[in-house]
Amino acid sequence: MAGALDASFAHMMQQHSIRNVVLANRLEKSKKEALSAATEVAGLLVDSVNGGVHESFINEKRIEMEARALAATVQRFTQTTTQWLTVFHNFDSALKEIGDFENWIKVMEYDCESVGKALNYITQGKRKEPIK
């Protein structure tokens, strides 16, 4: 009986060892499959994130181009505005000069009238005086 027990125990140990080897092989295969799946998922995640980063990079470059174009437009607008301000300042100065000239002409006209009246008065006064 001891021999049968030993044989039975040996057989159980052999089956246990075989099951352990099979389980170890399955475990190793599962680890490899999990590692492969994780690597694939990581690759897909990287591709997904890189796609967003690439799109963001393209958008950033487009925004930079538009900002440069806007800065150039603002610069041209500033130059044009400065030119318009110069023209309007010159026009305003010319109008002031015309106003000053018009005022000067009125003063001269008044002075000429005053001189004319004075001369008239003087000449009329001399005519009324007796001849000596």
N, C-alpha and C. Protein backbone atom coordinates (compact mmCIF):
# COMPACT_ATOMS: atom_id res chain seq x y z
N MET A 1 0.80 -1.16 0.00
CA MET A 1 0.00 0.00 0.00
C MET A 1 0.86 1.26 0.00
N ALA A 2 1.93 1.17 0.71
CA ALA A 2 2.83 2.31 0.72
C ALA A 2 3.37 2.55 -0.66
N GLY A 3 3.55 1.49 -1.40
CA GLY A 3 4.05 1.65 -2.75
C GLY A 3 3.02 2.30 -3.64
N ALA A 4 1.74 1.95 -3.41
CA ALA A 4 0.69 2.54 -4.21
C ALA A 4 0.52 4.01 -3.87
N LEU A 5 0.68 4.31 -2.58
CA LEU A 5 0.59 5.71 -2.17
C LEU A 5 1.73 6.51 -2.76
N ASP A 6 2.92 5.92 -2.73
CA ASP A 6 4.08 6.62 -3.29
C ASP A 6 3.89 6.85 -4.79
N ALA A 7 3.35 5.82 -5.46
CA ALA A 7 3.14 5.95 -6.89
C ALA A 7 2.06 6.99 -7.16
N SER A 8 1.00 6.96 -6.34
CA SER A 8 -0.07 7.92 -6.50
C SER A 8 0.42 9.34 -6.22
N PHE A 9 1.24 9.47 -5.15
CA PHE A 9 1.80 10.77 -4.80
C PHE A 9 2.73 11.26 -5.90
N ALA A 10 3.54 10.36 -6.43
CA ALA A 10 4.46 10.71 -7.51
C ALA A 10 3.66 11.13 -8.74
N HIS A 11 2.57 10.39 -9.02
CA HIS A 11 1.74 10.73 -10.17
C HIS A 11 1.09 12.12 -9.97
N MET A 12 0.61 12.39 -8.73
CA MET A 12 0.02 13.70 -8.44
C MET A 12 1.06 14.80 -8.57
N MET A 13 2.26 14.54 -8.12
CA MET A 13 3.34 15.53 -8.22
C MET A 13 3.69 15.79 -9.68
N GLN A 14 3.69 14.72 -10.46
CA GLN A 14 4.00 14.85 -11.88
C GLN A 14 2.91 15.68 -12.57
N GLN A 15 1.64 15.39 -12.27
CA GLN A 15 0.53 16.15 -12.85
C GLN A 15 0.59 17.62 -12.39
N HIS A 16 0.92 17.80 -11.12
CA HIS A 16 1.05 19.16 -10.58
C HIS A 16 2.15 19.92 -11.31
N SER A 17 3.27 19.26 -11.52
CA SER A 17 4.39 19.88 -12.23
C SER A 17 3.98 20.21 -13.66
N ILE A 18 3.28 19.26 -14.29
CA ILE A 18 2.85 19.49 -15.68
C ILE A 18 1.88 20.68 -15.71
N ARG A 19 0.92 20.73 -14.76
CA ARG A 19 -0.03 21.84 -14.70
C ARG A 19 0.70 23.16 -14.44
N ASN A 20 1.70 23.11 -13.57
CA ASN A 20 2.49 24.33 -13.30
C ASN A 20 3.20 24.81 -14.55
N VAL A 21 3.75 23.88 -15.31
CA VAL A 21 4.44 24.25 -16.55
C VAL A 21 3.43 24.82 -17.54
N VAL A 22 2.26 24.18 -17.66
CA VAL A 22 1.22 24.66 -18.57
C VAL A 22 0.76 26.06 -18.13
N LEU A 23 0.51 26.22 -16.81
CA LEU A 23 0.09 27.52 -16.30
C LEU A 23 1.18 28.57 -16.50
N ALA A 24 2.44 28.19 -16.29
CA ALA A 24 3.55 29.13 -16.49
C ALA A 24 3.62 29.53 -17.96
N ASN A 25 3.41 28.57 -18.86
CA ASN A 25 3.42 28.88 -20.30
C ASN A 25 2.25 29.82 -20.65
N ARG A 26 1.06 29.50 -20.09
CA ARG A 26 -0.09 30.37 -20.33
C ARG A 26 0.17 31.77 -19.77
N LEU A 27 0.73 31.82 -18.56
CA LEU A 27 1.04 33.11 -17.94
C LEU A 27 2.03 33.89 -18.79
N GLU A 28 3.06 33.22 -19.27
CA GLU A 28 4.06 33.89 -20.13
C GLU A 28 3.42 34.38 -21.42
N LYS A 29 2.54 33.52 -22.00
CA LYS A 29 1.86 33.91 -23.23
C LYS A 29 0.94 35.11 -22.95
N SER A 30 0.21 35.08 -21.83
CA SER A 30 -0.67 36.19 -21.47
C SER A 30 0.13 37.46 -21.23
N LYS A 31 1.29 37.36 -20.58
CA LYS A 31 2.15 38.53 -20.36
C LYS A 31 2.59 39.12 -21.69
N LYS A 32 3.01 38.25 -22.61
CA LYS A 32 3.45 38.73 -23.93
C LYS A 32 2.29 39.40 -24.67
N GLU A 33 1.09 38.78 -24.60
CA GLU A 33 -0.07 39.38 -25.26
C GLU A 33 -0.43 40.72 -24.62
N ALA A 34 -0.39 40.78 -23.28
CA ALA A 34 -0.70 42.03 -22.58
C ALA A 34 0.33 43.10 -22.93
N LEU A 35 1.61 42.72 -22.97
CA LEU A 35 2.66 43.66 -23.33
C LEU A 35 2.48 44.15 -24.76
N SER A 36 2.15 43.24 -25.65
CA SER A 36 1.92 43.61 -27.05
C SER A 36 0.71 44.56 -27.16
N ALA A 37 -0.37 44.23 -26.44
CA ALA A 37 -1.57 45.08 -26.47
C ALA A 37 -1.27 46.45 -25.86
N ALA A 38 -0.52 46.47 -24.75
CA ALA A 38 -0.17 47.74 -24.12
C ALA A 38 0.70 48.58 -25.05
N THR A 39 1.64 47.94 -25.74
CA THR A 39 2.49 48.65 -26.68
C THR A 39 1.65 49.23 -27.82
N GLU A 40 0.70 48.44 -28.30
CA GLU A 40 -0.16 48.92 -29.38
C GLU A 40 -1.03 50.09 -28.90
N VAL A 41 -1.60 49.97 -27.69
CA VAL A 41 -2.41 51.05 -27.14
C VAL A 41 -1.56 52.31 -26.96
N ALA A 42 -0.35 52.13 -26.43
CA ALA A 42 0.54 53.29 -26.25
C ALA A 42 0.84 53.95 -27.59
N GLY A 43 1.10 53.13 -28.61
CA GLY A 43 1.36 53.68 -29.94
C GLY A 43 0.16 54.45 -30.47
N LEU A 44 -1.04 53.88 -30.28
CA LEU A 44 -2.25 54.57 -30.73
C LEU A 44 -2.47 55.87 -29.96
N LEU A 45 -2.21 55.85 -28.65
CA LEU A 45 -2.34 57.07 -27.85
C LEU A 45 -1.35 58.13 -28.31
N VAL A 46 -0.11 57.71 -28.56
CA VAL A 46 0.90 58.66 -29.04
C VAL A 46 0.48 59.25 -30.38
N ASP A 47 -0.02 58.39 -31.28
CA ASP A 47 -0.48 58.88 -32.58
C ASP A 47 -1.64 59.87 -32.40
N SER A 48 -2.55 59.53 -31.49
CA SER A 48 -3.69 60.41 -31.25
C SER A 48 -3.24 61.75 -30.70
N VAL A 49 -2.36 61.72 -29.71
CA VAL A 49 -1.86 62.97 -29.11
C VAL A 49 -1.03 63.74 -30.13
N ASN A 50 -0.19 63.04 -30.88
CA ASN A 50 0.63 63.72 -31.89
C ASN A 50 -0.23 64.36 -32.96
N GLY A 51 -1.34 63.72 -33.30
CA GLY A 51 -2.25 64.32 -34.28
C GLY A 51 -2.77 65.65 -33.77
N GLY A 52 -3.15 65.70 -32.50
CA GLY A 52 -3.62 66.95 -31.91
C GLY A 52 -2.52 67.98 -31.82
N VAL A 53 -1.31 67.53 -31.46
CA VAL A 53 -0.17 68.44 -31.37
C VAL A 53 0.16 68.99 -32.75
N HIS A 54 0.13 68.13 -33.75
CA HIS A 54 0.42 68.55 -35.12
C HIS A 54 -0.60 69.59 -35.58
N GLU A 55 -1.86 69.31 -35.28
CA GLU A 55 -2.91 70.27 -35.66
C GLU A 55 -2.73 71.59 -34.92
N SER A 56 -2.37 71.51 -33.64
CA SER A 56 -2.12 72.73 -32.85
C SER A 56 -0.94 73.50 -33.44
N PHE A 57 0.10 72.79 -33.85
CA PHE A 57 1.28 73.43 -34.43
C PHE A 57 0.90 74.16 -35.72
N ILE A 58 0.10 73.50 -36.56
CA ILE A 58 -0.34 74.12 -37.81
C ILE A 58 -1.18 75.36 -37.51
N ASN A 59 -2.09 75.24 -36.54
CA ASN A 59 -2.91 76.40 -36.16
C ASN A 59 -2.06 77.53 -35.62
N GLU A 60 -1.04 77.19 -34.82
CA GLU A 60 -0.15 78.22 -34.27
C GLU A 60 0.58 78.95 -35.40
N LYS A 61 1.08 78.22 -36.38
CA LYS A 61 1.78 78.85 -37.51
C LYS A 61 0.82 79.75 -38.29
N ARG A 62 -0.42 79.28 -38.50
CA ARG A 62 -1.40 80.09 -39.22
C ARG A 62 -1.71 81.37 -38.45
N ILE A 63 -1.86 81.25 -37.14
CA ILE A 63 -2.14 82.42 -36.30
C ILE A 63 -0.96 83.39 -36.35
N GLU A 64 0.27 82.86 -36.31
CA GLU A 64 1.45 83.72 -36.39
C GLU A 64 1.48 84.47 -37.72
N MET A 65 1.16 83.79 -38.82
CA MET A 65 1.12 84.45 -40.13
C MET A 65 0.06 85.54 -40.15
N GLU A 66 -1.11 85.24 -39.62
CA GLU A 66 -2.18 86.24 -39.60
C GLU A 66 -1.81 87.41 -38.70
N ALA A 67 -1.11 87.14 -37.60
CA ALA A 67 -0.68 88.22 -36.70
C ALA A 67 0.33 89.12 -37.40
N ARG A 68 1.26 88.51 -38.16
CA ARG A 68 2.23 89.32 -38.91
C ARG A 68 1.52 90.16 -39.97
N ALA A 69 0.56 89.56 -40.66
CA ALA A 69 -0.19 90.31 -41.68
C ALA A 69 -0.97 91.45 -41.02
N LEU A 70 -1.56 91.18 -39.87
CA LEU A 70 -2.30 92.23 -39.16
C LEU A 70 -1.36 93.34 -38.70
N ALA A 71 -0.18 92.97 -38.21
CA ALA A 71 0.80 93.99 -37.79
C ALA A 71 1.21 94.86 -38.97
N ALA A 72 1.40 94.24 -40.13
CA ALA A 72 1.77 95.02 -41.33
C ALA A 72 0.62 95.95 -41.73
N THR A 73 -0.61 95.45 -41.64
CA THR A 73 -1.77 96.28 -41.96
C THR A 73 -1.88 97.45 -40.99
N VAL A 74 -1.66 97.18 -39.72
CA VAL A 74 -1.71 98.25 -38.71
C VAL A 74 -0.62 99.28 -38.99
N GLN A 75 0.56 98.81 -39.38
CA GLN A 75 1.67 99.72 -39.69
C GLN A 75 1.30 100.62 -40.87
N ARG A 76 0.74 100.02 -41.93
CA ARG A 76 0.31 100.82 -43.08
C ARG A 76 -0.78 101.80 -42.68
N PHE A 77 -1.73 101.36 -41.88
CA PHE A 77 -2.81 102.23 -41.42
C PHE A 77 -2.24 103.39 -40.60
N THR A 78 -1.25 103.09 -39.76
CA THR A 78 -0.62 104.14 -38.95
C THR A 78 0.07 105.16 -39.84
N GLN A 79 0.79 104.69 -40.85
CA GLN A 79 1.45 105.60 -41.78
C GLN A 79 0.43 106.45 -42.53
N THR A 80 -0.63 105.82 -43.01
CA THR A 80 -1.67 106.55 -43.73
C THR A 80 -2.32 107.59 -42.82
N THR A 81 -2.60 107.19 -41.58
CA THR A 81 -3.20 108.12 -40.63
C THR A 81 -2.28 109.30 -40.36
N THR A 82 -0.99 109.02 -40.23
CA THR A 82 -0.02 110.09 -40.01
C THR A 82 0.00 111.04 -41.21
N GLN A 83 -0.04 110.48 -42.41
CA GLN A 83 -0.08 111.33 -43.60
C GLN A 83 -1.34 112.18 -43.62
N TRP A 84 -2.48 111.58 -43.30
CA TRP A 84 -3.74 112.34 -43.27
C TRP A 84 -3.66 113.45 -42.22
N LEU A 85 -3.10 113.14 -41.06
CA LEU A 85 -2.97 114.17 -40.02
C LEU A 85 -2.11 115.33 -40.50
N THR A 86 -1.03 115.01 -41.22
CA THR A 86 -0.16 116.05 -41.75
C THR A 86 -0.92 116.91 -42.77
N VAL A 87 -1.65 116.25 -43.66
CA VAL A 87 -2.43 116.98 -44.67
C VAL A 87 -3.46 117.88 -43.99
N PHE A 88 -4.19 117.34 -43.01
CA PHE A 88 -5.20 118.15 -42.33
C PHE A 88 -4.58 119.29 -41.54
N HIS A 89 -3.42 119.05 -40.94
CA HIS A 89 -2.73 120.12 -40.21
C HIS A 89 -2.33 121.24 -41.19
N ASN A 90 -1.76 120.84 -42.33
CA ASN A 90 -1.37 121.83 -43.34
C ASN A 90 -2.59 122.59 -43.86
N PHE A 91 -3.68 121.87 -44.09
CA PHE A 91 -4.91 122.49 -44.56
C PHE A 91 -5.45 123.47 -43.52
N ASP A 92 -5.42 123.05 -42.25
CA ASP A 92 -5.87 123.93 -41.17
C ASP A 92 -5.01 125.18 -41.09
N SER A 93 -3.69 124.99 -41.22
CA SER A 93 -2.78 126.15 -41.19
C SER A 93 -3.07 127.08 -42.36
N ALA A 94 -3.32 126.51 -43.54
CA ALA A 94 -3.63 127.33 -44.72
C ALA A 94 -4.92 128.11 -44.49
N LEU A 95 -5.92 127.46 -43.91
CA LEU A 95 -7.17 128.17 -43.63
C LEU A 95 -6.95 129.30 -42.64
N LYS A 96 -6.12 129.06 -41.64
CA LYS A 96 -5.82 130.12 -40.67
C LYS A 96 -5.10 131.27 -41.36
N GLU A 97 -4.17 130.93 -42.25
CA GLU A 97 -3.45 131.99 -42.98
C GLU A 97 -4.41 132.78 -43.86
N ILE A 98 -5.34 132.07 -44.50
CA ILE A 98 -6.34 132.76 -45.33
C ILE A 98 -7.18 133.68 -44.45
N GLY A 99 -7.57 133.18 -43.28
CA GLY A 99 -8.33 134.01 -42.35
C GLY A 99 -7.52 135.21 -41.89
N ASP A 100 -6.23 134.99 -41.60
CA ASP A 100 -5.36 136.10 -41.20
C ASP A 100 -5.21 137.09 -42.35
N PHE A 101 -5.06 136.60 -43.58
CA PHE A 101 -4.91 137.47 -44.75
C PHE A 101 -6.19 138.27 -44.97
N GLU A 102 -7.33 137.60 -44.81
CA GLU A 102 -8.61 138.29 -44.98
C GLU A 102 -8.75 139.40 -43.93
N ASN A 103 -8.36 139.10 -42.71
CA ASN A 103 -8.41 140.11 -41.65
C ASN A 103 -7.45 141.26 -41.96
N TRP A 104 -6.25 140.92 -42.46
CA TRP A 104 -5.27 141.96 -42.82
C TRP A 104 -5.83 142.86 -43.92
N ILE A 105 -6.50 142.23 -44.92
CA ILE A 105 -7.09 143.01 -46.02
C ILE A 105 -8.16 143.96 -45.47
N LYS A 106 -8.98 143.48 -44.54
CA LYS A 106 -10.02 144.34 -43.96
C LYS A 106 -9.39 145.51 -43.21
N VAL A 107 -8.30 145.22 -42.46
CA VAL A 107 -7.60 146.29 -41.74
C VAL A 107 -7.02 147.29 -42.73
N MET A 108 -6.39 146.78 -43.81
CA MET A 108 -5.81 147.66 -44.83
C MET A 108 -6.90 148.49 -45.50
N GLU A 109 -8.04 147.86 -45.79
CA GLU A 109 -9.15 148.57 -46.41
C GLU A 109 -9.63 149.70 -45.49
N TYR A 110 -9.76 149.38 -44.20
CA TYR A 110 -10.18 150.39 -43.23
C TYR A 110 -9.15 151.52 -43.15
N ASP A 111 -7.86 151.14 -43.11
CA ASP A 111 -6.80 152.15 -43.06
C ASP A 111 -6.82 153.03 -44.31
N CYS A 112 -7.00 152.39 -45.48
CA CYS A 112 -7.05 153.16 -46.74
C CYS A 112 -8.24 154.11 -46.75
N GLU A 113 -9.38 153.60 -46.27
CA GLU A 113 -10.56 154.47 -46.19
C GLU A 113 -10.30 155.65 -45.25
N SER A 114 -9.65 155.34 -44.11
CA SER A 114 -9.34 156.41 -43.15
C SER A 114 -8.39 157.42 -43.76
N VAL A 115 -7.35 156.94 -44.45
CA VAL A 115 -6.41 157.86 -45.10
C VAL A 115 -7.12 158.65 -46.19
N GLY A 116 -7.98 157.97 -46.96
CA GLY A 116 -8.74 158.64 -48.02
C GLY A 116 -9.64 159.72 -47.45
N LYS A 117 -10.34 159.40 -46.36
CA LYS A 117 -11.21 160.40 -45.72
C LYS A 117 -10.39 161.56 -45.18
N ALA A 118 -9.24 161.22 -44.60
CA ALA A 118 -8.37 162.28 -44.06
C ALA A 118 -7.88 163.17 -45.19
N LEU A 119 -7.46 162.57 -46.29
CA LEU A 119 -7.00 163.36 -47.43
C LEU A 119 -8.15 164.19 -47.99
N ASN A 120 -9.30 163.59 -48.07
CA ASN A 120 -10.49 164.30 -48.53
C ASN A 120 -10.78 165.49 -47.63
N TYR A 121 -10.73 165.24 -46.35
CA TYR A 121 -11.00 166.29 -45.38
C TYR A 121 -9.98 167.42 -45.50
N ILE A 122 -8.72 167.00 -45.67
CA ILE A 122 -7.65 167.99 -45.79
C ILE A 122 -7.84 168.80 -47.07
N THR A 123 -8.11 168.13 -48.17
CA THR A 123 -8.26 168.85 -49.44
C THR A 123 -9.50 169.73 -49.43
N GLN A 124 -10.54 169.29 -48.81
CA GLN A 124 -11.75 170.13 -48.73
C GLN A 124 -11.51 171.32 -47.80
N GLY A 125 -10.78 171.10 -46.75
CA GLY A 125 -10.47 172.18 -45.82
C GLY A 125 -9.61 173.23 -46.48
N LYS A 126 -8.68 172.87 -47.34
CA LYS A 126 -7.81 173.81 -48.02
C LYS A 126 -8.59 174.60 -49.04
N ARG A 127 -9.56 174.03 -49.63
CA ARG A 127 -10.34 174.73 -50.64
C ARG A 127 -11.19 175.82 -49.98
N LYS A 128 -11.62 175.55 -48.78
CA LYS A 128 -12.47 176.51 -48.10
C LYS A 128 -11.66 177.68 -47.56
N GLU A 129 -10.37 177.47 -47.36
CA GLU A 129 -9.54 178.55 -46.84
C GLU A 129 -9.32 179.58 -47.94
N PRO A 130 -9.28 180.82 -47.56
CA PRO A 130 -9.04 181.85 -48.58
C PRO A 130 -7.64 181.72 -49.16
N ILE A 131 -7.55 182.13 -50.38
CA ILE A 131 -6.27 182.08 -51.05
C ILE A 131 -5.44 183.25 -50.59
N LYS A 132 -4.25 183.02 -50.26
CA LYS A 132 -3.38 184.08 -49.75
C LYS A 132 -2.45 184.56 -50.78
